[in-house]
C-alpha atoms as a PDB file:
ATOM      1  CA  MET A   1     124.449  30.323  72.689  1.00  0.00           C
ATOM      2  CA  ALA A   2     122.102  28.029  71.091  1.00  0.00           C
ATOM      3  CA  ASP A   3     119.558  29.491  73.177  1.00  0.00           C
ATOM      4  CA  SER A   4     120.014  32.946  71.621  1.00  0.00           C
ATOM      5  CA  LYS A   5     117.110  34.917  70.766  1.00  0.00           C
ATOM      6  CA  ILE A   6     117.041  37.155  67.473  1.00  0.00           C
ATOM      7  CA  TYR A   7     114.910  40.645  68.668  1.00  0.00           C
ATOM      8  CA  LEU A   8     112.420  41.655  65.834  1.00  0.00           C
ATOM      9  CA  ASN A   9     111.332  45.662  65.454  1.00  0.00           C
ATOM     10  CA  VAL A  10     107.724  44.117  64.756  1.00  0.00           C
ATOM     11  CA  PRO A  11     104.682  46.771  64.269  1.00  0.00           C
ATOM     12  CA  PHE A  12     101.784  46.116  66.440  1.00  0.00           C
ATOM     13  CA  ALA A  13     100.037  45.807  63.205  1.00  0.00           C
ATOM     14  CA  GLN A  14     101.940  42.371  62.004  1.00  0.00           C
ATOM     15  CA  LYS A  15     102.152  41.118  65.578  1.00  0.00           C
ATOM     16  CA  ASP A  16      99.679  38.206  63.968  1.00  0.00           C
ATOM     17  CA  GLU A  17     101.636  37.396  60.871  1.00  0.00           C
ATOM     18  CA  ALA A  18     104.853  37.805  62.748  1.00  0.00           C
ATOM     19  CA  LYS A  19     103.896  35.079  65.091  1.00  0.00           C
ATOM     20  CA  ALA A  20     101.811  33.172  62.268  1.00  0.00           C
ATOM     21  CA  LEU A  21     105.727  32.367  61.099  1.00  0.00           C
ATOM     22  CA  GLY A  22     107.012  31.155  64.109  1.00  0.00           C
ATOM     23  CA  ALA A  23     108.077  34.119  66.624  1.00  0.00           C
ATOM     24  CA  ARG A  24     107.304  34.546  70.229  1.00  0.00           C
ATOM     25  CA  TRP A  25     106.486  37.394  72.405  1.00  0.00           C
ATOM     26  CA  ASP A  26     109.326  38.478  74.957  1.00  0.00           C
ATOM     27  CA  ALA A  27     107.390  39.801  77.984  1.00  0.00           C
ATOM     28  CA  ILE A  28     110.655  40.915  79.898  1.00  0.00           C
ATOM     29  CA  GLU A  29     111.977  42.992  77.064  1.00  0.00           C
ATOM     30  CA  LYS A  30     108.589  43.658  75.980  1.00  0.00           C
ATOM     31  CA  LYS A  31     109.641  41.864  72.487  1.00  0.00           C
ATOM     32  CA  TRP A  32     108.866  39.765  69.574  1.00  0.00           C
ATOM     33  CA  PHE A  33     111.737  36.935  68.673  1.00  0.00           C
ATOM     34  CA  ALA A  34     112.954  34.545  66.666  1.00  0.00           C
ATOM     35  CA  PRO A  35     113.567  31.532  68.014  1.00  0.00           C
ATOM     36  CA  ALA A  36     116.969  29.204  67.634  1.00  0.00           C
ATOM     37  CA  ASP A  37     115.369  26.598  65.834  1.00  0.00           C
ATOM     38  CA  LYS A  38     113.661  29.040  63.581  1.00  0.00           C
ATOM     39  CA  ASP A  39     115.057  30.196  59.908  1.00  0.00           C
ATOM     40  CA  ILE A  40     116.068  33.730  60.226  1.00  0.00           C
ATOM     41  CA  ALA A  41     115.092  34.384  56.651  1.00  0.00           C
ATOM     42  CA  LEU A  42     111.514  34.196  57.817  1.00  0.00           C
ATOM     43  CA  PHE A  43     112.017  37.338  59.528  1.00  0.00           C
ATOM     44  CA  ALA A  44     114.172  39.551  57.369  1.00  0.00           C
ATOM     45  CA  ARG A  45     111.832  42.396  56.965  1.00  0.00           C
ATOM     46  CA  TRP A  46     111.333  42.855  60.674  1.00  0.00           C
ATOM     47  CA  GLN A  47     115.240  42.821  62.219  1.00  0.00           C
ATOM     48  CA  ALA A  48     116.796  45.412  63.018  1.00  0.00           C
ATOM     49  CA  GLU A  49     120.300  46.646  61.071  1.00  0.00           C
ATOM     50  CA  ALA A  50     122.631  46.815  63.662  1.00  0.00           C
ATOM     51  CA  GLY A  51     122.630  45.122  67.335  1.00  0.00           C
ATOM     52  CA  ALA A  52     119.224  42.192  66.525  1.00  0.00           C
ATOM     53  CA  ALA A  53     120.638  39.642  68.292  1.00  0.00           C
ATOM     54  CA  ALA A  54     121.160  42.062  71.879  1.00  0.00           C
ATOM     55  CA  SER A  55     118.811  42.454  74.448  1.00  0.00           C
ATOM     56  CA  PRO A  56     117.345  46.152  73.839  1.00  0.00           C
ATOM     57  CA  ARG A  57     117.562  46.417  77.660  1.00  0.00           C
ATOM     58  CA  SER A  58     121.336  45.540  77.673  1.00  0.00           C
ATOM     59  CA  LYS A  59     122.451  48.778  76.024  1.00  0.00           C
ATOM     60  CA  ALA A  60     121.528  50.761  78.751  1.00  0.00           C
ATOM     61  CA  THR A  61     122.785  54.242  79.646  1.00  0.00           C
ATOM     62  CA  PRO A  62     124.783  55.210  82.519  1.00  0.00           C
ATOM     63  CA  ALA A  63     123.368  57.378  85.034  1.00  0.00           C
ATOM     64  CA  LYS A  64     124.663  60.818  85.114  1.00  0.00           C
ATOM     65  CA  ILE A  65     126.795  62.162  87.782  1.00  0.00           C
ATOM     66  CA  GLY A  66     127.146  65.179  89.099  1.00  0.00           C
ATOM     67  CA  SER A  67     124.120  66.375  87.649  1.00  0.00           C
ATOM     68  CA  SER A  68     123.276  70.206  88.221  1.00  0.00           C
ATOM     69  CA  PRO A  69     120.977  70.072  91.564  1.00  0.00           C
ATOM     70  CA  LYS A  70     119.689  73.348  90.133  1.00  0.00           C
ATOM     71  CA  LYS A  71     118.519  71.583  86.719  1.00  0.00           C
ATOM     72  CA  ALA A  72     117.240  68.610  88.017  1.00  0.00           C
ATOM     73  CA  ASN A  73     114.781  70.200  89.901  1.00  0.00           C
ATOM     74  CA  ALA A  74     113.978  72.891  87.572  1.00  0.00           C
ATOM     75  CA  GLY A  75     110.101  73.714  87.907  1.00  0.00           C
ATOM     76  CA  VAL A  76     109.955  72.500  91.735  1.00  0.00           C
ATOM     77  CA  LYS A  77     108.498  75.433  93.631  1.00  0.00           C
ATOM     78  CA  THR A  78     109.683  75.431  97.325  1.00  0.00           C
ATOM     79  CA  HIS A  79     107.272  75.838  99.848  1.00  0.00           C
ATOM     80  CA  ALA A  80     108.617  78.357 103.025  1.00  0.00           C
ATOM     81  CA  ALA A  81     108.022  75.319 105.461  1.00  0.00           C
ATOM     82  CA  ALA A  82     110.896  73.005 103.414  1.00  0.00           C
ATOM     83  CA  LYS A  83     113.465  74.292 105.293  1.00  0.00           C
ATOM     84  CA  ASP A  84     112.117  72.681 108.526  1.00  0.00           C
ATOM     85  CA  PHE A  85     111.204  69.532 106.379  1.00  0.00           C
ATOM     86  CA  VAL A  86     112.108  66.260 108.276  1.00  0.00           C
ATOM     87  CA  ALA A  87     112.611  63.359 106.861  1.00  0.00           C
ATOM     88  CA  TYR A  88     111.072  59.666 107.892  1.00  0.00           C
ATOM     89  CA  ASN A  89     113.656  57.203 108.938  1.00  0.00           C
ATOM     90  CA  GLY A  90     111.310  54.524 109.285  1.00  0.00           C
ATOM     91  CA  ASP A  91     111.780  54.587 113.035  1.00  0.00           C
ATOM     92  CA  THR A  92     109.899  56.030 114.866  1.00  0.00           C
ATOM     93  CA  PRO A  93     107.672  59.164 113.253  1.00  0.00           C
ATOM     94  CA  PRO A  94     109.490  62.827 113.315  1.00  0.00           C
ATOM     95  CA  TRP A  95     106.303  64.038 115.127  1.00  0.00           C
ATOM     96  CA  GLU A  96     106.947  62.371 118.438  1.00  0.00           C
END
C-alpha cells in the first residue's frame, strides 16, 4: 500500500497553501490528498478525524430497496393522458 493517498479536507481558500506543501488534487475524487512520499505531519491541519486514508467514494450508501412509489413520486403531477403512455423501446417508434 505504498501508493496510498491520504485525503485532506482543504478549504478552497487554503488550496494554494496545501499545494505549496506538496498536496495534489485528485480530479476523480475531487479532493486534495497527501502523496505517500510526503511527510503527513505537514498536512495535519487538513486531515479528517476518522477515515482520512479512505476514498470518499468508497463509502457509498446502499440503495434504498422497497421505497414507496407514492413517496418517490411526491409532488409529480400526472396528466390524464398518462394512462395511454407507450414507452419507446428503441426499435420502432410507437406512432408507426
